[in-house]
């Protein structure tokens, strides 16, 4: 399993996607406003996802 880096787009929990803002030892902090339907889903702006529970969809260009 590859850990995400800051700026990567990850997918988790039934198709939710977000941009990684911070990488911690066991988890990442993800900005969910990346999704087009973010407002419709009524989610918090950020969430924490364990490294075991996501996959990297797109790596950052940096």
PDB file of N, CA and C in Angstrom:
ATOM      1  N   UNK A   1       0.840  -1.187   0.000  1.00  0.00           N
ATOM      2  CA  UNK A   1       0.000   0.000   0.000  1.00  0.00           C
ATOM      3  C   UNK A   1       0.882   1.246   0.000  1.00  0.00           C
ATOM      4  N   UNK A   2       0.606   2.162  -0.908  1.00  0.00           N
ATOM      5  CA  UNK A   2       1.371   3.395  -1.018  1.00  0.00           C
ATOM      6  C   UNK A   2       0.685   4.505  -0.221  1.00  0.00           C
ATOM      7  N   UNK A   3       1.456   5.177   0.620  1.00  0.00           N
ATOM      8  CA  UNK A   3       0.915   6.308   1.362  1.00  0.00           C
ATOM      9  C   UNK A   3       0.786   7.518   0.449  1.00  0.00           C
ATOM     10  N   UNK A   4      -0.249   8.286   0.677  1.00  0.00           N
ATOM     11  CA  UNK A   4      -0.465   9.501  -0.110  1.00  0.00           C
ATOM     12  C   UNK A   4       0.492  10.597   0.338  1.00  0.00           C
ATOM     13  N   UNK A   5       0.731  11.537  -0.546  1.00  0.00           N
ATOM     14  CA  UNK A   5       1.517  12.726  -0.246  1.00  0.00           C
ATOM     15  C   UNK A   5       0.598  13.937  -0.287  1.00  0.00           C
ATOM     16  N   UNK A   6       1.042  15.045   0.275  1.00  0.00           N
ATOM     17  CA  UNK A   6       0.274  16.286   0.228  1.00  0.00           C
ATOM     18  C   UNK A   6       0.014  16.657  -1.227  1.00  0.00           C
ATOM     19  N   UNK A   7      -1.224  16.978  -1.538  1.00  0.00           N
ATOM     20  CA  UNK A   7      -1.602  17.346  -2.893  1.00  0.00           C
ATOM     21  C   UNK A   7      -2.189  16.213  -3.707  1.00  0.00           C
ATOM     22  N   UNK A   8      -2.008  14.968  -3.249  1.00  0.00           N
ATOM     23  CA  UNK A   8      -2.602  13.830  -3.954  1.00  0.00           C
ATOM     24  C   UNK A   8      -4.116  13.845  -3.800  1.00  0.00           C
ATOM     25  N   UNK A   9      -4.794  13.278  -4.785  1.00  0.00           N
ATOM     26  CA  UNK A   9      -6.242  13.085  -4.692  1.00  0.00           C
ATOM     27  C   UNK A   9      -6.464  11.629  -4.325  1.00  0.00           C
ATOM     28  N   UNK A  10      -7.237  11.411  -3.267  1.00  0.00           N
ATOM     29  CA  UNK A  10      -7.497  10.048  -2.818  1.00  0.00           C
ATOM     30  C   UNK A  10      -8.987   9.761  -2.887  1.00  0.00           C
ATOM     31  N   UNK A  11      -9.300   8.460  -2.915  1.00  0.00           N
ATOM     32  CA  UNK A  11     -10.688   8.005  -2.896  1.00  0.00           C
ATOM     33  C   UNK A  11     -10.860   7.092  -1.699  1.00  0.00           C
ATOM     34  N   UNK A  12     -11.972   7.233  -1.015  1.00  0.00           N
ATOM     35  CA  UNK A  12     -12.234   6.444   0.182  1.00  0.00           C
ATOM     36  C   UNK A  12     -13.738   6.321   0.381  1.00  0.00           C
ATOM     37  N   UNK A  13     -14.136   5.502   1.307  1.00  0.00           N
ATOM     38  CA  UNK A  13     -15.526   5.307   1.714  1.00  0.00           C
ATOM     39  C   UNK A  13     -16.547   5.468   0.588  1.00  0.00           C
ATOM     40  N   UNK A  14     -16.711   4.471  -0.230  1.00  0.00           N
ATOM     41  CA  UNK A  14     -17.737   4.428  -1.279  1.00  0.00           C
ATOM     42  C   UNK A  14     -17.670   5.572  -2.275  1.00  0.00           C
ATOM     43  N   UNK A  15     -16.474   5.941  -2.703  1.00  0.00           N
ATOM     44  CA  UNK A  15     -16.337   6.893  -3.792  1.00  0.00           C
ATOM     45  C   UNK A  15     -16.115   8.342  -3.422  1.00  0.00           C
ATOM     46  N   UNK A  16     -16.047   8.683  -2.144  1.00  0.00           N
ATOM     47  CA  UNK A  16     -15.721  10.058  -1.779  1.00  0.00           C
ATOM     48  C   UNK A  16     -14.287  10.346  -2.193  1.00  0.00           C
ATOM     49  N   UNK A  17     -14.032  11.575  -2.640  1.00  0.00           N
ATOM     50  CA  UNK A  17     -12.686  11.965  -3.045  1.00  0.00           C
ATOM     51  C   UNK A  17     -12.309  13.279  -2.383  1.00  0.00           C
ATOM     52  N   UNK A  18     -11.010  13.472  -2.201  1.00  0.00           N
ATOM     53  CA  UNK A  18     -10.525  14.710  -1.627  1.00  0.00           C
ATOM     54  C   UNK A  18      -9.037  14.877  -1.862  1.00  0.00           C
ATOM     55  N   UNK A  19      -8.559  16.076  -1.549  1.00  0.00           N
ATOM     56  CA  UNK A  19      -7.147  16.413  -1.705  1.00  0.00           C
ATOM     57  C   UNK A  19      -6.469  16.314  -0.346  1.00  0.00           C
ATOM     58  N   UNK A  20      -5.349  15.613  -0.303  1.00  0.00           N
ATOM     59  CA  UNK A  20      -4.605  15.436   0.943  1.00  0.00           C
ATOM     60  C   UNK A  20      -3.956  16.765   1.329  1.00  0.00           C
ATOM     61  N   UNK A  21      -4.260  17.222   2.547  1.00  0.00           N
ATOM     62  CA  UNK A  21      -3.676  18.466   3.057  1.00  0.00           C
ATOM     63  C   UNK A  21      -2.518  18.215   4.007  1.00  0.00           C
ATOM     64  N   UNK A  22      -2.587  17.111   4.753  1.00  0.00           N
ATOM     65  CA  UNK A  22      -1.527  16.811   5.718  1.00  0.00           C
ATOM     66  C   UNK A  22      -1.422  15.298   5.877  1.00  0.00           C
ATOM     67  N   UNK A  23      -0.190  14.819   5.979  1.00  0.00           N
ATOM     68  CA  UNK A  23       0.055  13.391   6.183  1.00  0.00           C
ATOM     69  C   UNK A  23       0.552  13.194   7.612  1.00  0.00           C
ATOM     70  N   UNK A  24      -0.176  12.380   8.361  1.00  0.00           N
ATOM     71  CA  UNK A  24       0.215  12.032   9.722  1.00  0.00           C
ATOM     72  C   UNK A  24       0.778  10.613   9.728  1.00  0.00           C
ATOM     73  N   UNK A  25       1.199  10.147  10.888  1.00  0.00           N
ATOM     74  CA  UNK A  25       1.798   8.820  10.987  1.00  0.00           C
ATOM     75  C   UNK A  25       0.833   7.721  10.550  1.00  0.00           C
ATOM     76  N   UNK A  26      -0.423   7.799  10.998  1.00  0.00           N
ATOM     77  CA  UNK A  26      -1.388   6.743  10.708  1.00  0.00           C
ATOM     78  C   UNK A  26      -2.548   7.176   9.833  1.00  0.00           C
ATOM     79  N   UNK A  27      -2.575   8.445   9.421  1.00  0.00           N
ATOM     80  CA  UNK A  27      -3.730   8.949   8.687  1.00  0.00           C
ATOM     81  C   UNK A  27      -3.366  10.175   7.855  1.00  0.00           C
ATOM     82  N   UNK A  28      -4.345  10.625   7.059  1.00  0.00           N
ATOM     83  CA  UNK A  28      -4.198  11.855   6.294  1.00  0.00           C
ATOM     84  C   UNK A  28      -5.401  12.751   6.582  1.00  0.00           C
ATOM     85  N   UNK A  29      -5.196  14.056   6.474  1.00  0.00           N
ATOM     86  CA  UNK A  29      -6.283  15.019   6.569  1.00  0.00           C
ATOM     87  C   UNK A  29      -6.630  15.411   5.142  1.00  0.00           C
ATOM     88  N   UNK A  30      -7.928  15.301   4.805  1.00  0.00           N
ATOM     89  CA  UNK A  30      -8.377  15.446   3.427  1.00  0.00           C
ATOM     90  C   UNK A  30      -9.369  16.596   3.304  1.00  0.00           C
ATOM     91  N   UNK A  31      -9.181  17.429   2.274  1.00  0.00           N
ATOM     92  CA  UNK A  31     -10.112  18.511   1.944  1.00  0.00           C
ATOM     93  C   UNK A  31     -11.154  17.951   0.978  1.00  0.00           C
ATOM     94  N   UNK A  32     -12.411  17.919   1.406  1.00  0.00           N
ATOM     95  CA  UNK A  32     -13.481  17.317   0.608  1.00  0.00           C
ATOM     96  C   UNK A  32     -14.109  18.283  -0.388  1.00  0.00           C
ATOM     97  N   UNK A  33     -13.769  19.561  -0.338  1.00  0.00           N
ATOM     98  CA  UNK A  33     -14.383  20.533  -1.249  1.00  0.00           C
ATOM     99  C   UNK A  33     -13.945  20.312  -2.692  1.00  0.00           C
ATOM    100  N   UNK A  34     -13.036  19.392  -2.928  1.00  0.00           N
ATOM    101  CA  UNK A  34     -12.588  19.025  -4.275  1.00  0.00           C
ATOM    102  C   UNK A  34     -13.746  18.447  -5.096  1.00  0.00           C
ATOM    103  N   UNK A  35     -14.657  17.740  -4.437  1.00  0.00           N
ATOM    104  CA  UNK A  35     -15.753  17.067  -5.146  1.00  0.00           C
ATOM    105  C   UNK A  35     -16.773  18.085  -5.653  1.00  0.00           C
ATOM    106  N   UNK A  36     -17.277  17.860  -6.869  1.00  0.00           N
ATOM    107  CA  UNK A  36     -18.281  18.745  -7.451  1.00  0.00           C
ATOM    108  C   UNK A  36     -19.567  18.774  -6.626  1.00  0.00           C
ATOM    109  N   UNK A  37     -19.952  17.643  -6.055  1.00  0.00           N
ATOM    110  CA  UNK A  37     -21.205  17.559  -5.298  1.00  0.00           C
ATOM    111  C   UNK A  37     -21.000  17.724  -3.789  1.00  0.00           C
ATOM    112  N   UNK A  38     -19.918  18.361  -3.391  1.00  0.00           N
ATOM    113  CA  UNK A  38     -19.596  18.539  -1.974  1.00  0.00           C
ATOM    114  C   UNK A  38     -20.750  19.171  -1.192  1.00  0.00           C
ATOM    115  N   UNK A  39     -21.328  20.245  -1.705  1.00  0.00           N
ATOM    116  CA  UNK A  39     -22.413  20.944  -0.993  1.00  0.00           C
ATOM    117  C   UNK A  39     -23.666  20.078  -0.874  1.00  0.00           C
ATOM    118  N   UNK A  40     -23.951  19.273  -1.870  1.00  0.00           N
ATOM    119  CA  UNK A  40     -25.135  18.407  -1.849  1.00  0.00           C
ATOM    120  C   UNK A  40     -25.023  17.313  -0.787  1.00  0.00           C
ATOM    121  N   UNK A  41     -23.812  16.877  -0.502  1.00  0.00           N
ATOM    122  CA  UNK A  41     -23.592  15.782   0.437  1.00  0.00           C
ATOM    123  C   UNK A  41     -23.656  16.226   1.898  1.00  0.00           C
ATOM    124  N   UNK A  42     -23.600  17.525   2.147  1.00  0.00           N
ATOM    125  CA  UNK A  42     -23.655  18.089   3.502  1.00  0.00           C
ATOM    126  C   UNK A  42     -22.605  17.463   4.423  1.00  0.00           C
ATOM    127  N   UNK A  43     -21.371  17.449   3.951  1.00  0.00           N
ATOM    128  CA  UNK A  43     -20.241  16.927   4.718  1.00  0.00           C
ATOM    129  C   UNK A  43     -19.432  18.076   5.305  1.00  0.00           C
ATOM    130  N   UNK A  44     -18.620  17.762   6.311  1.00  0.00           N
ATOM    131  CA  UNK A  44     -17.663  18.736   6.812  1.00  0.00           C
ATOM    132  C   UNK A  44     -16.639  19.020   5.714  1.00  0.00           C
ATOM    133  N   UNK A  45     -15.951  20.146   5.832  1.00  0.00           N
ATOM    134  CA  UNK A  45     -14.979  20.531   4.814  1.00  0.00           C
ATOM    135  C   UNK A  45     -13.776  19.598   4.792  1.00  0.00           C
ATOM    136  N   UNK A  46     -13.372  19.110   5.956  1.00  0.00           N
ATOM    137  CA  UNK A  46     -12.207  18.229   6.059  1.00  0.00           C
ATOM    138  C   UNK A  46     -12.569  16.977   6.849  1.00  0.00           C
ATOM    139  N   UNK A  47     -11.807  15.923   6.615  1.00  0.00           N
ATOM    140  CA  UNK A  47     -11.972  14.700   7.388  1.00  0.00           C
ATOM    141  C   UNK A  47     -10.626  14.003   7.523  1.00  0.00           C
ATOM    142  N   UNK A  48     -10.552  13.055   8.434  1.00  0.00           N
ATOM    143  CA  UNK A  48      -9.344  12.268   8.665  1.00  0.00           C
ATOM    144  C   UNK A  48      -9.598  10.855   8.154  1.00  0.00           C
ATOM    145  N   UNK A  49      -8.643  10.320   7.392  1.00  0.00           N
ATOM    146  CA  UNK A  49      -8.778   8.977   6.827  1.00  0.00           C
ATOM    147  C   UNK A  49      -7.515   8.180   7.149  1.00  0.00           C
ATOM    148  N   UNK A  50      -7.695   6.991   7.693  1.00  0.00           N
ATOM    149  CA  UNK A  50      -6.580   6.101   7.998  1.00  0.00           C
ATOM    150  C   UNK A  50      -5.919   5.645   6.707  1.00  0.00           C
ATOM    151  N   UNK A  51      -4.616   5.422   6.741  1.00  0.00           N
ATOM    152  CA  UNK A  51      -3.869   4.996   5.552  1.00  0.00           C
ATOM    153  C   UNK A  51      -4.426   3.697   4.955  1.00  0.00           C
ATOM    154  N   UNK A  52      -5.024   2.848   5.776  1.00  0.00           N
ATOM    155  CA  UNK A  52      -5.563   1.571   5.298  1.00  0.00           C
ATOM    156  C   UNK A  52      -6.854   1.748   4.510  1.00  0.00           C
ATOM    157  N   UNK A  53      -7.482   2.926   4.610  1.00  0.00           N
ATOM    158  CA  UNK A  53      -8.839   3.091   4.103  1.00  0.00           C
ATOM    159  C   UNK A  53      -8.973   3.978   2.873  1.00  0.00           C
ATOM    160  N   UNK A  54      -7.916   4.166   2.120  1.00  0.00           N
ATOM    161  CA  UNK A  54      -8.016   4.967   0.899  1.00  0.00           C
ATOM    162  C   UNK A  54      -7.094   4.410  -0.172  1.00  0.00           C
ATOM    163  N   UNK A  55      -7.308   4.914  -1.402  1.00  0.00           N
ATOM    164  CA  UNK A  55      -6.371   4.622  -2.485  1.00  0.00           C
ATOM    165  C   UNK A  55      -6.080   5.930  -3.206  1.00  0.00           C
ATOM    166  N   UNK A  56      -4.864   6.078  -3.705  1.00  0.00           N
ATOM    167  CA  UNK A  56      -4.455   7.286  -4.414  1.00  0.00           C
ATOM    168  C   UNK A  56      -5.032   7.222  -5.820  1.00  0.00           C
ATOM    169  N   UNK A  57      -5.813   8.257  -6.194  1.00  0.00           N
ATOM    170  CA  UNK A  57      -6.426   8.336  -7.516  1.00  0.00           C
ATOM    171  C   UNK A  57      -5.515   9.087  -8.464  1.00  0.00           C
ATOM    172  N   UNK A  58      -4.938  10.200  -7.977  1.00  0.00           N
ATOM    173  CA  UNK A  58      -4.078  11.032  -8.809  1.00  0.00           C
ATOM    174  C   UNK A  58      -2.976  11.612  -7.937  1.00  0.00           C
ATOM    175  N   UNK A  59      -1.748  11.495  -8.393  1.00  0.00           N
ATOM    176  CA  UNK A  59      -0.628  12.047  -7.644  1.00  0.00           C
ATOM    177  C   UNK A  59      -0.433  13.502  -8.005  1.00  0.00           C
ATOM    178  N   UNK A  60       0.044  14.277  -7.043  1.00  0.00           N
ATOM    179  CA  UNK A  60       0.265  15.709  -7.296  1.00  0.00           C
ATOM    180  C   UNK A  60       1.432  15.895  -8.264  1.00  0.00           C
ATOM    181  N   UNK A  61       1.406  17.013  -8.944  1.00  0.00           N
ATOM    182  CA  UNK A  61       2.452  17.304  -9.935  1.00  0.00           C
ATOM    183  C   UNK A  61       3.716  17.869  -9.299  1.00  0.00           C
ATOM    184  N   UNK A  62       3.667  18.146  -8.010  1.00  0.00           N
ATOM    185  CA  UNK A  62       4.803  18.758  -7.322  1.00  0.00           C
ATOM    186  C   UNK A  62       5.829  17.731  -6.965  1.00  0.00           C
TER     187      UNK A  62
END
